[in-house]
């Protein structure tokens, strides 16, 4: 409404245009011109405009706009100065804790900055926080310093502990090589298994994951990494040479980790215990 007034349209004229179908109400005080077929970015902007000056797209809606999640929900989430105002198809959150560093723009829409978006997402959609952090890293949007600054001034807020815990898997430079490695190490961490070394050279070969005490390695497989005939042959020779050097190695695929993570952990726990026994017997001879 304010934009129309700024263009010289009196309030009565706006009402008449709405009655005749030239304008279509999408949110309180917000109109679509000529039709109601509004794309999703427009569906995000409308509620923000409706909630007044300083309002920001936030939480799950902000995560979608930034590309941190593909999950779209029709109830748009907005952080605004007056969260108690009721808006149809809008979920309004309090802006009381926001600072200037929490504000940003994306695609022409006022939105919470990436660190704030991730914290809000951790509080409202924790099951998908890990993939959201992976996407932030892939898009070059994961600023650990900015996130840590936000966490330090947000103690006691919902989502802080969950964000801090989930973020730990991204703090080592060893995780930059592959999202598959990050996924595997997160699985090991959640299962409380001994933390392995990663990308370590042993017997002339670089091992994805390696437990030195157990002389046990895991190769993280995808077709992209090992999908050529030469790679197939070299992988078999490599495994034989490691076996001759007293190093056992198994292969785990990303598909399997996604499909049956509990089974992967159960077998891995058993194999590590088995290797401890075998290596102990070898050393005691």
C-alpha atoms as a PDB file:
ATOM      1  CA  UNK A   1       0.000   0.000   0.000  1.00  0.00           C
ATOM      2  CA  UNK A   2       2.838   2.426   0.857  1.00  0.00           C
ATOM      3  CA  UNK A   3       4.442   1.856  -2.541  1.00  0.00           C
ATOM      4  CA  UNK A   4       1.159   2.576  -4.341  1.00  0.00           C
ATOM      5  CA  UNK A   5       0.692   5.719  -2.275  1.00  0.00           C
ATOM      6  CA  UNK A   6       4.226   6.764  -3.194  1.00  0.00           C
ATOM      7  CA  UNK A   7       3.275   6.386  -6.857  1.00  0.00           C
ATOM      8  CA  UNK A   8       0.350   8.756  -6.358  1.00  0.00           C
ATOM      9  CA  UNK A   9      -2.531   6.275  -5.999  1.00  0.00           C
ATOM     10  CA  UNK A  10      -5.077   7.416  -3.370  1.00  0.00           C
ATOM     11  CA  UNK A  11      -6.352   4.732  -0.977  1.00  0.00           C
ATOM     12  CA  UNK A  12      -9.854   4.870  -2.527  1.00  0.00           C
ATOM     13  CA  UNK A  13      -8.424   4.291  -5.996  1.00  0.00           C
ATOM     14  CA  UNK A  14      -6.535   1.251  -4.716  1.00  0.00           C
ATOM     15  CA  UNK A  15      -9.756  -0.154  -3.245  1.00  0.00           C
ATOM     16  CA  UNK A  16     -11.572   0.308  -6.557  1.00  0.00           C
ATOM     17  CA  UNK A  17      -8.749  -1.373  -8.477  1.00  0.00           C
ATOM     18  CA  UNK A  18      -8.982  -4.324  -6.097  1.00  0.00           C
ATOM     19  CA  UNK A  19     -12.745  -4.580  -6.641  1.00  0.00           C
ATOM     20  CA  UNK A  20     -12.413  -4.578 -10.425  1.00  0.00           C
ATOM     21  CA  UNK A  21      -9.671  -7.215 -10.453  1.00  0.00           C
ATOM     22  CA  UNK A  22      -6.790  -4.985 -11.521  1.00  0.00           C
ATOM     23  CA  UNK A  23      -5.217  -5.638  -8.112  1.00  0.00           C
ATOM     24  CA  UNK A  24      -5.393  -8.868  -6.119  1.00  0.00           C
ATOM     25  CA  UNK A  25      -4.778  -8.937  -2.377  1.00  0.00           C
ATOM     26  CA  UNK A  26      -2.018 -11.414  -1.467  1.00  0.00           C
ATOM     27  CA  UNK A  27      -1.331 -10.275   2.097  1.00  0.00           C
ATOM     28  CA  UNK A  28      -2.647  -7.494   4.251  1.00  0.00           C
ATOM     29  CA  UNK A  29      -1.736  -4.268   2.421  1.00  0.00           C
ATOM     30  CA  UNK A  30       0.048  -6.115  -0.407  1.00  0.00           C
ATOM     31  CA  UNK A  31      -1.342  -6.592  -3.913  1.00  0.00           C
ATOM     32  CA  UNK A  32      -0.503  -8.496  -7.084  1.00  0.00           C
ATOM     33  CA  UNK A  33      -1.123  -6.664 -10.341  1.00  0.00           C
ATOM     34  CA  UNK A  34      -3.476  -8.310 -12.835  1.00  0.00           C
ATOM     35  CA  UNK A  35      -3.255 -11.944 -11.657  1.00  0.00           C
ATOM     36  CA  UNK A  36      -2.543 -14.134  -8.641  1.00  0.00           C
ATOM     37  CA  UNK A  37       0.044 -16.428 -10.278  1.00  0.00           C
ATOM     38  CA  UNK A  38       2.889 -15.221  -8.071  1.00  0.00           C
ATOM     39  CA  UNK A  39       6.223 -17.097  -8.187  1.00  0.00           C
ATOM     40  CA  UNK A  40       7.750 -18.281  -4.943  1.00  0.00           C
ATOM     41  CA  UNK A  41      10.097 -15.332  -4.614  1.00  0.00           C
ATOM     42  CA  UNK A  42       7.047 -13.063  -4.794  1.00  0.00           C
ATOM     43  CA  UNK A  43       5.322 -15.239  -2.222  1.00  0.00           C
ATOM     44  CA  UNK A  44       8.313 -14.596   0.055  1.00  0.00           C
ATOM     45  CA  UNK A  45       8.445 -10.844  -0.535  1.00  0.00           C
ATOM     46  CA  UNK A  46       4.729 -10.172   0.015  1.00  0.00           C
ATOM     47  CA  UNK A  47       4.605 -11.271   3.679  1.00  0.00           C
ATOM     48  CA  UNK A  48       7.790  -9.326   4.441  1.00  0.00           C
ATOM     49  CA  UNK A  49       6.212  -6.148   3.034  1.00  0.00           C
ATOM     50  CA  UNK A  50       2.995  -6.895   4.898  1.00  0.00           C
ATOM     51  CA  UNK A  51       4.805  -7.077   8.252  1.00  0.00           C
ATOM     52  CA  UNK A  52       6.141  -3.546   7.983  1.00  0.00           C
ATOM     53  CA  UNK A  53       9.445  -1.727   8.054  1.00  0.00           C
ATOM     54  CA  UNK A  54      12.410  -3.769   9.205  1.00  0.00           C
ATOM     55  CA  UNK A  55      10.733  -7.129   8.689  1.00  0.00           C
ATOM     56  CA  UNK A  56      12.885  -9.970   7.328  1.00  0.00           C
ATOM     57  CA  UNK A  57      12.226 -13.296   5.706  1.00  0.00           C
ATOM     58  CA  UNK A  58      13.518 -15.842   8.226  1.00  0.00           C
ATOM     59  CA  UNK A  59      13.741 -19.394   9.528  1.00  0.00           C
ATOM     60  CA  UNK A  60      12.741 -22.112   7.016  1.00  0.00           C
ATOM     61  CA  UNK A  61      11.662 -19.572   4.410  1.00  0.00           C
ATOM     62  CA  UNK A  62      15.040 -17.820   4.580  1.00  0.00           C
ATOM     63  CA  UNK A  63      16.826 -21.166   4.348  1.00  0.00           C
ATOM     64  CA  UNK A  64      14.904 -21.892   1.137  1.00  0.00           C
ATOM     65  CA  UNK A  65      15.735 -18.458  -0.322  1.00  0.00           C
ATOM     66  CA  UNK A  66      19.459 -18.856   0.402  1.00  0.00           C
ATOM     67  CA  UNK A  67      19.465 -22.324  -1.186  1.00  0.00           C
ATOM     68  CA  UNK A  68      20.216 -24.115   2.092  1.00  0.00           C
ATOM     69  CA  UNK A  69      17.188 -26.360   1.653  1.00  0.00           C
ATOM     70  CA  UNK A  70      14.923 -27.340  -1.226  1.00  0.00           C
ATOM     71  CA  UNK A  71      11.975 -27.890   1.114  1.00  0.00           C
ATOM     72  CA  UNK A  72       9.310 -25.272   0.396  1.00  0.00           C
ATOM     73  CA  UNK A  73       6.453 -24.571   2.759  1.00  0.00           C
ATOM     74  CA  UNK A  74       3.531 -22.286   1.919  1.00  0.00           C
ATOM     75  CA  UNK A  75       3.391 -20.711   5.394  1.00  0.00           C
ATOM     76  CA  UNK A  76       6.010 -17.977   5.064  1.00  0.00           C
ATOM     77  CA  UNK A  77       8.142 -17.197   8.128  1.00  0.00           C
ATOM     78  CA  UNK A  78       8.992 -13.582   8.888  1.00  0.00           C
ATOM     79  CA  UNK A  79      10.897 -11.955  11.738  1.00  0.00           C
ATOM     80  CA  UNK A  80       9.305  -8.611  12.594  1.00  0.00           C
ATOM     81  CA  UNK A  81       9.151  -5.961  15.301  1.00  0.00           C
ATOM     82  CA  UNK A  82       5.552  -6.856  16.278  1.00  0.00           C
ATOM     83  CA  UNK A  83       5.326 -10.657  16.289  1.00  0.00           C
ATOM     84  CA  UNK A  84       1.871 -10.742  17.909  1.00  0.00           C
ATOM     85  CA  UNK A  85       0.155  -9.349  14.834  1.00  0.00           C
ATOM     86  CA  UNK A  86      -1.787 -12.090  13.080  1.00  0.00           C
ATOM     87  CA  UNK A  87      -1.298 -12.545   9.349  1.00  0.00           C
ATOM     88  CA  UNK A  88      -2.925 -15.193   7.201  1.00  0.00           C
ATOM     89  CA  UNK A  89      -0.436 -17.822   5.978  1.00  0.00           C
ATOM     90  CA  UNK A  90       2.435 -16.016   7.738  1.00  0.00           C
ATOM     91  CA  UNK A  91       4.297 -17.173  10.849  1.00  0.00           C
ATOM     92  CA  UNK A  92       5.781 -14.149  12.600  1.00  0.00           C
ATOM     93  CA  UNK A  93       8.798 -14.344  14.940  1.00  0.00           C
ATOM     94  CA  UNK A  94      10.192 -11.696  17.278  1.00  0.00           C
ATOM     95  CA  UNK A  95      12.986  -9.430  16.029  1.00  0.00           C
ATOM     96  CA  UNK A  96      14.013  -8.463  19.566  1.00  0.00           C
ATOM     97  CA  UNK A  97      17.410 -10.222  19.433  1.00  0.00           C
ATOM     98  CA  UNK A  98      18.390  -9.058  15.929  1.00  0.00           C
ATOM     99  CA  UNK A  99      21.375  -6.793  15.269  1.00  0.00           C
ATOM    100  CA  UNK A 100      22.450  -5.115  12.038  1.00  0.00           C
ATOM    101  CA  UNK A 101      24.760  -8.039  11.274  1.00  0.00           C
ATOM    102  CA  UNK A 102      21.708 -10.338  11.235  1.00  0.00           C
ATOM    103  CA  UNK A 103      20.184  -8.447   8.299  1.00  0.00           C
ATOM    104  CA  UNK A 104      20.862  -9.059   4.619  1.00  0.00           C
ATOM    105  CA  UNK A 105      19.318  -8.976   1.152  1.00  0.00           C
ATOM    106  CA  UNK A 106      18.954 -11.821  -1.323  1.00  0.00           C
ATOM    107  CA  UNK A 107      17.101 -11.778  -4.634  1.00  0.00           C
ATOM    108  CA  UNK A 108      15.790  -8.296  -3.719  1.00  0.00           C
ATOM    109  CA  UNK A 109      14.201  -9.585  -0.500  1.00  0.00           C
ATOM    110  CA  UNK A 110      15.130  -8.460   3.042  1.00  0.00           C
ATOM    111  CA  UNK A 111      16.229 -11.673   4.770  1.00  0.00           C
ATOM    112  CA  UNK A 112      18.107 -12.848   7.831  1.00  0.00           C
ATOM    113  CA  UNK A 113      21.848 -13.226   7.190  1.00  0.00           C
ATOM    114  CA  UNK A 114      23.218 -16.747   6.767  1.00  0.00           C
ATOM    115  CA  UNK A 115      24.419 -17.210  10.397  1.00  0.00           C
ATOM    116  CA  UNK A 116      21.054 -16.090  11.821  1.00  0.00           C
ATOM    117  CA  UNK A 117      19.194 -18.188   9.256  1.00  0.00           C
ATOM    118  CA  UNK A 118      21.167 -21.267  10.312  1.00  0.00           C
ATOM    119  CA  UNK A 119      20.517 -20.617  14.006  1.00  0.00           C
ATOM    120  CA  UNK A 120      16.788 -20.165  13.396  1.00  0.00           C
ATOM    121  CA  UNK A 121      16.759 -23.254  11.193  1.00  0.00           C
ATOM    122  CA  UNK A 122      18.475 -25.254  13.952  1.00  0.00           C
ATOM    123  CA  UNK A 123      15.662 -24.270  16.306  1.00  0.00           C
ATOM    124  CA  UNK A 124      12.768 -25.036  13.956  1.00  0.00           C
ATOM    125  CA  UNK A 125      13.953 -27.768  11.565  1.00  0.00           C
ATOM    126  CA  UNK A 126      16.837 -29.572  13.314  1.00  0.00           C
ATOM    127  CA  UNK A 127      16.498 -32.821  11.361  1.00  0.00           C
ATOM    128  CA  UNK A 128      17.651 -31.042   8.190  1.00  0.00           C
ATOM    129  CA  UNK A 129      20.342 -28.867   9.784  1.00  0.00           C
ATOM    130  CA  UNK A 130      23.220 -31.113   8.666  1.00  0.00           C
ATOM    131  CA  UNK A 131      22.258 -30.974   4.970  1.00  0.00           C
ATOM    132  CA  UNK A 132      21.681 -27.206   5.290  1.00  0.00           C
ATOM    133  CA  UNK A 133      25.231 -26.733   6.583  1.00  0.00           C
ATOM    134  CA  UNK A 134      26.561 -28.919   3.763  1.00  0.00           C
ATOM    135  CA  UNK A 135      24.705 -26.764   1.238  1.00  0.00           C
ATOM    136  CA  UNK A 136      26.022 -23.575   2.846  1.00  0.00           C
ATOM    137  CA  UNK A 137      29.573 -24.876   2.473  1.00  0.00           C
ATOM    138  CA  UNK A 138      28.975 -25.994  -1.122  1.00  0.00           C
ATOM    139  CA  UNK A 139      27.635 -22.522  -2.005  1.00  0.00           C
ATOM    140  CA  UNK A 140      30.544 -20.777  -0.288  1.00  0.00           C
ATOM    141  CA  UNK A 141      28.239 -19.273   2.356  1.00  0.00           C
ATOM    142  CA  UNK A 142      29.540 -21.008   5.497  1.00  0.00           C
ATOM    143  CA  UNK A 143      31.382 -18.341   7.528  1.00  0.00           C
ATOM    144  CA  UNK A 144      32.446 -20.074  10.758  1.00  0.00           C
ATOM    145  CA  UNK A 145      33.761 -16.851  12.342  1.00  0.00           C
ATOM    146  CA  UNK A 146      30.431 -15.054  11.830  1.00  0.00           C
ATOM    147  CA  UNK A 147      28.477 -18.060  13.117  1.00  0.00           C
ATOM    148  CA  UNK A 148      30.676 -18.324  16.223  1.00  0.00           C
ATOM    149  CA  UNK A 149      30.137 -14.609  16.894  1.00  0.00           C
ATOM    150  CA  UNK A 150      26.379 -15.109  16.702  1.00  0.00           C
ATOM    151  CA  UNK A 151      26.522 -18.168  18.973  1.00  0.00           C
ATOM    152  CA  UNK A 152      28.549 -16.241  21.570  1.00  0.00           C
ATOM    153  CA  UNK A 153      25.843 -13.562  21.855  1.00  0.00           C
ATOM    154  CA  UNK A 154      22.912 -15.968  21.660  1.00  0.00           C
ATOM    155  CA  UNK A 155      23.533 -18.223  24.637  1.00  0.00           C
ATOM    156  CA  UNK A 156      20.321 -19.648  25.979  1.00  0.00           C
ATOM    157  CA  UNK A 157      18.490 -19.336  22.670  1.00  0.00           C
ATOM    158  CA  UNK A 158      16.830 -22.326  21.085  1.00  0.00           C
ATOM    159  CA  UNK A 159      19.018 -23.979  18.486  1.00  0.00           C
ATOM    160  CA  UNK A 160      22.383 -22.758  19.830  1.00  0.00           C
ATOM    161  CA  UNK A 161      23.528 -26.080  21.284  1.00  0.00           C
ATOM    162  CA  UNK A 162      22.315 -27.988  18.246  1.00  0.00           C
ATOM    163  CA  UNK A 163      24.020 -25.630  15.802  1.00  0.00           C
ATOM    164  CA  UNK A 164      27.288 -25.704  17.749  1.00  0.00           C
ATOM    165  CA  UNK A 165      27.282 -29.503  17.882  1.00  0.00           C
ATOM    166  CA  UNK A 166      26.369 -30.032  14.230  1.00  0.00           C
ATOM    167  CA  UNK A 167      28.928 -27.457  13.135  1.00  0.00           C
ATOM    168  CA  UNK A 168      31.852 -29.331  14.711  1.00  0.00           C
ATOM    169  CA  UNK A 169      32.082 -31.684  11.766  1.00  0.00           C
ATOM    170  CA  UNK A 170      32.927 -28.701   9.508  1.00  0.00           C
ATOM    171  CA  UNK A 171      35.783 -27.304  11.569  1.00  0.00           C
ATOM    172  CA  UNK A 172      38.637 -29.534  10.410  1.00  0.00           C
ATOM    173  CA  UNK A 173      40.414 -28.939   7.116  1.00  0.00           C
ATOM    174  CA  UNK A 174      40.258 -32.702   6.558  1.00  0.00           C
ATOM    175  CA  UNK A 175      36.571 -32.359   5.758  1.00  0.00           C
ATOM    176  CA  UNK A 176      37.028 -30.079   2.783  1.00  0.00           C
ATOM    177  CA  UNK A 177      37.804 -32.884   0.365  1.00  0.00           C
ATOM    178  CA  UNK A 178      34.441 -34.538   0.263  1.00  0.00           C
ATOM    179  CA  UNK A 179      30.926 -34.273   1.597  1.00  0.00           C
ATOM    180  CA  UNK A 180      31.034 -38.064   1.798  1.00  0.00           C
ATOM    181  CA  UNK A 181      33.868 -37.885   4.325  1.00  0.00           C
ATOM    182  CA  UNK A 182      31.935 -35.384   6.421  1.00  0.00           C
ATOM    183  CA  UNK A 183      28.909 -37.651   6.382  1.00  0.00           C
ATOM    184  CA  UNK A 184      30.956 -40.669   7.445  1.00  0.00           C
ATOM    185  CA  UNK A 185      32.775 -38.812  10.237  1.00  0.00           C
ATOM    186  CA  UNK A 186      29.472 -37.483  11.540  1.00  0.00           C
ATOM    187  CA  UNK A 187      28.215 -41.070  11.650  1.00  0.00           C
ATOM    188  CA  UNK A 188      31.309 -42.148  13.605  1.00  0.00           C
ATOM    189  CA  UNK A 189      30.908 -39.226  15.994  1.00  0.00           C
ATOM    190  CA  UNK A 190      27.239 -39.938  16.700  1.00  0.00           C
ATOM    191  CA  UNK A 191      28.020 -43.610  17.334  1.00  0.00           C
ATOM    192  CA  UNK A 192      30.770 -42.651  19.820  1.00  0.00           C
ATOM    193  CA  UNK A 193      33.332 -44.724  17.917  1.00  0.00           C
ATOM    194  CA  UNK A 194      37.068 -43.877  18.085  1.00  0.00           C
ATOM    195  CA  UNK A 195      37.887 -40.932  15.841  1.00  0.00           C
ATOM    196  CA  UNK A 196      40.007 -42.013  12.848  1.00  0.00           C
ATOM    197  CA  UNK A 197      42.603 -40.151  10.818  1.00  0.00           C
ATOM    198  CA  UNK A 198      41.596 -38.968   7.363  1.00  0.00           C
ATOM    199  CA  UNK A 199      43.454 -38.570   4.078  1.00  0.00           C
ATOM    200  CA  UNK A 200      46.554 -40.170   5.604  1.00  0.00           C
ATOM    201  CA  UNK A 201      49.362 -41.684   3.509  1.00  0.00           C
ATOM    202  CA  UNK A 202      50.140 -45.259   4.609  1.00  0.00           C
ATOM    203  CA  UNK A 203      52.337 -47.704   2.701  1.00  0.00           C
ATOM    204  CA  UNK A 204      52.418 -45.294  -0.228  1.00  0.00           C
ATOM    205  CA  UNK A 205      48.631 -44.958  -0.516  1.00  0.00           C
ATOM    206  CA  UNK A 206      46.313 -42.163   0.605  1.00  0.00           C
ATOM    207  CA  UNK A 207      43.591 -43.664   2.770  1.00  0.00           C
ATOM    208  CA  UNK A 208      40.211 -41.934   3.121  1.00  0.00           C
ATOM    209  CA  UNK A 209      39.737 -43.055   6.738  1.00  0.00           C
ATOM    210  CA  UNK A 210      42.259 -44.929   8.884  1.00  0.00           C
ATOM    211  CA  UNK A 211      42.505 -46.259  12.452  1.00  0.00           C
ATOM    212  CA  UNK A 212      46.278 -46.657  13.028  1.00  0.00           C
ATOM    213  CA  UNK A 213      46.018 -48.780  16.190  1.00  0.00           C
ATOM    214  CA  UNK A 214      43.733 -51.289  14.493  1.00  0.00           C
ATOM    215  CA  UNK A 215      45.520 -51.006  11.111  1.00  0.00           C
ATOM    216  CA  UNK A 216      42.059 -50.716   9.638  1.00  0.00           C
ATOM    217  CA  UNK A 217      40.946 -48.481   6.756  1.00  0.00           C
ATOM    218  CA  UNK A 218      37.666 -47.474   5.136  1.00  0.00           C
ATOM    219  CA  UNK A 219      37.435 -46.479   1.491  1.00  0.00           C
ATOM    220  CA  UNK A 220      34.454 -44.200   0.832  1.00  0.00           C
ATOM    221  CA  UNK A 221      33.105 -45.208  -2.545  1.00  0.00           C
ATOM    222  CA  UNK A 222      31.046 -43.450  -5.173  1.00  0.00           C
ATOM    223  CA  UNK A 223      30.819 -44.199  -8.856  1.00  0.00           C
ATOM    224  CA  UNK A 224      32.212 -40.729  -9.595  1.00  0.00           C
ATOM    225  CA  UNK A 225      35.414 -41.556  -7.721  1.00  0.00           C
ATOM    226  CA  UNK A 226      35.958 -45.099  -9.013  1.00  0.00           C
ATOM    227  CA  UNK A 227      33.815 -45.389 -12.122  1.00  0.00           C
ATOM    228  CA  UNK A 228      36.457 -46.058 -14.806  1.00  0.00           C
ATOM    229  CA  UNK A 229      37.985 -49.444 -15.779  1.00  0.00           C
ATOM    230  CA  UNK A 230      41.491 -48.246 -14.843  1.00  0.00           C
ATOM    231  CA  UNK A 231      40.324 -47.026 -11.437  1.00  0.00           C
ATOM    232  CA  UNK A 232      38.541 -50.351 -10.887  1.00  0.00           C
ATOM    233  CA  UNK A 233      41.749 -52.324 -11.562  1.00  0.00           C
ATOM    234  CA  UNK A 234      43.971 -49.975  -9.528  1.00  0.00           C
ATOM    235  CA  UNK A 235      41.611 -50.180  -6.542  1.00  0.00           C
ATOM    236  CA  UNK A 236      41.917 -53.978  -6.461  1.00  0.00           C
ATOM    237  CA  UNK A 237      45.720 -53.884  -6.641  1.00  0.00           C
ATOM    238  CA  UNK A 238      45.778 -51.234  -3.944  1.00  0.00           C
ATOM    239  CA  UNK A 239      43.634 -53.331  -1.619  1.00  0.00           C
ATOM    240  CA  UNK A 240      45.874 -56.377  -2.170  1.00  0.00           C
ATOM    241  CA  UNK A 241      49.027 -54.381  -1.400  1.00  0.00           C
ATOM    242  CA  UNK A 242      47.496 -52.999   1.779  1.00  0.00           C
ATOM    243  CA  UNK A 243      46.473 -56.523   2.790  1.00  0.00           C
ATOM    244  CA  UNK A 244      50.088 -57.698   2.289  1.00  0.00           C
ATOM    245  CA  UNK A 245      51.200 -54.801   4.539  1.00  0.00           C
ATOM    246  CA  UNK A 246      48.853 -55.992   7.291  1.00  0.00           C
ATOM    247  CA  UNK A 247      46.158 -53.352   6.745  1.00  0.00           C
ATOM    248  CA  UNK A 248      42.549 -54.423   6.397  1.00  0.00           C
ATOM    249  CA  UNK A 249      40.279 -52.211   4.299  1.00  0.00           C
ATOM    250  CA  UNK A 250      36.549 -52.199   3.635  1.00  0.00           C
ATOM    251  CA  UNK A 251      34.474 -50.080   1.263  1.00  0.00           C
ATOM    252  CA  UNK A 252      31.376 -48.105   2.237  1.00  0.00           C
ATOM    253  CA  UNK A 253      29.232 -46.232  -0.260  1.00  0.00           C
ATOM    254  CA  UNK A 254      27.332 -43.012   0.234  1.00  0.00           C
ATOM    255  CA  UNK A 255      24.131 -44.777  -0.814  1.00  0.00           C
ATOM    256  CA  UNK A 256      24.595 -47.346   1.927  1.00  0.00           C
ATOM    257  CA  UNK A 257      25.284 -44.701   4.564  1.00  0.00           C
ATOM    258  CA  UNK A 258      22.041 -42.959   3.647  1.00  0.00           C
ATOM    259  CA  UNK A 259      19.999 -46.137   3.365  1.00  0.00           C
ATOM    260  CA  UNK A 260      21.180 -48.064   6.443  1.00  0.00           C
ATOM    261  CA  UNK A 261      23.347 -45.922   8.751  1.00  0.00           C
ATOM    262  CA  UNK A 262      22.589 -48.107  11.804  1.00  0.00           C
ATOM    263  CA  UNK A 263      23.741 -51.239  10.014  1.00  0.00           C
ATOM    264  CA  UNK A 264      26.924 -49.465   8.883  1.00  0.00           C
ATOM    265  CA  UNK A 265      27.705 -48.440  12.468  1.00  0.00           C
ATOM    266  CA  UNK A 266      26.953 -51.919  13.841  1.00  0.00           C
ATOM    267  CA  UNK A 267      29.302 -53.626  11.359  1.00  0.00           C
ATOM    268  CA  UNK A 268      31.990 -50.994  11.789  1.00  0.00           C
ATOM    269  CA  UNK A 269      31.930 -51.402  15.577  1.00  0.00           C
ATOM    270  CA  UNK A 270      32.254 -55.183  15.189  1.00  0.00           C
ATOM    271  CA  UNK A 271      35.076 -54.942  12.641  1.00  0.00           C
ATOM    272  CA  UNK A 272      37.081 -52.520  14.784  1.00  0.00           C
ATOM    273  CA  UNK A 273      36.771 -54.840  17.800  1.00  0.00           C
ATOM    274  CA  UNK A 274      37.776 -57.787  15.634  1.00  0.00           C
ATOM    275  CA  UNK A 275      40.842 -55.930  14.338  1.00  0.00           C
ATOM    276  CA  UNK A 276      41.907 -54.983  17.876  1.00  0.00           C
ATOM    277  CA  UNK A 277      41.867 -58.669  18.770  1.00  0.00           C
ATOM    278  CA  UNK A 278      43.752 -59.695  15.619  1.00  0.00           C
ATOM    279  CA  UNK A 279      46.388 -56.975  15.911  1.00  0.00           C
ATOM    280  CA  UNK A 280      46.854 -57.755  19.612  1.00  0.00           C
ATOM    281  CA  UNK A 281      47.419 -61.443  18.849  1.00  0.00           C
ATOM    282  CA  UNK A 282      49.917 -60.542  16.128  1.00  0.00           C
ATOM    283  CA  UNK A 283      51.907 -58.231  18.391  1.00  0.00           C
ATOM    284  CA  UNK A 284      51.928 -60.762  21.283  1.00  0.00           C
ATOM    285  CA  UNK A 285      53.535 -63.553  19.280  1.00  0.00           C
END
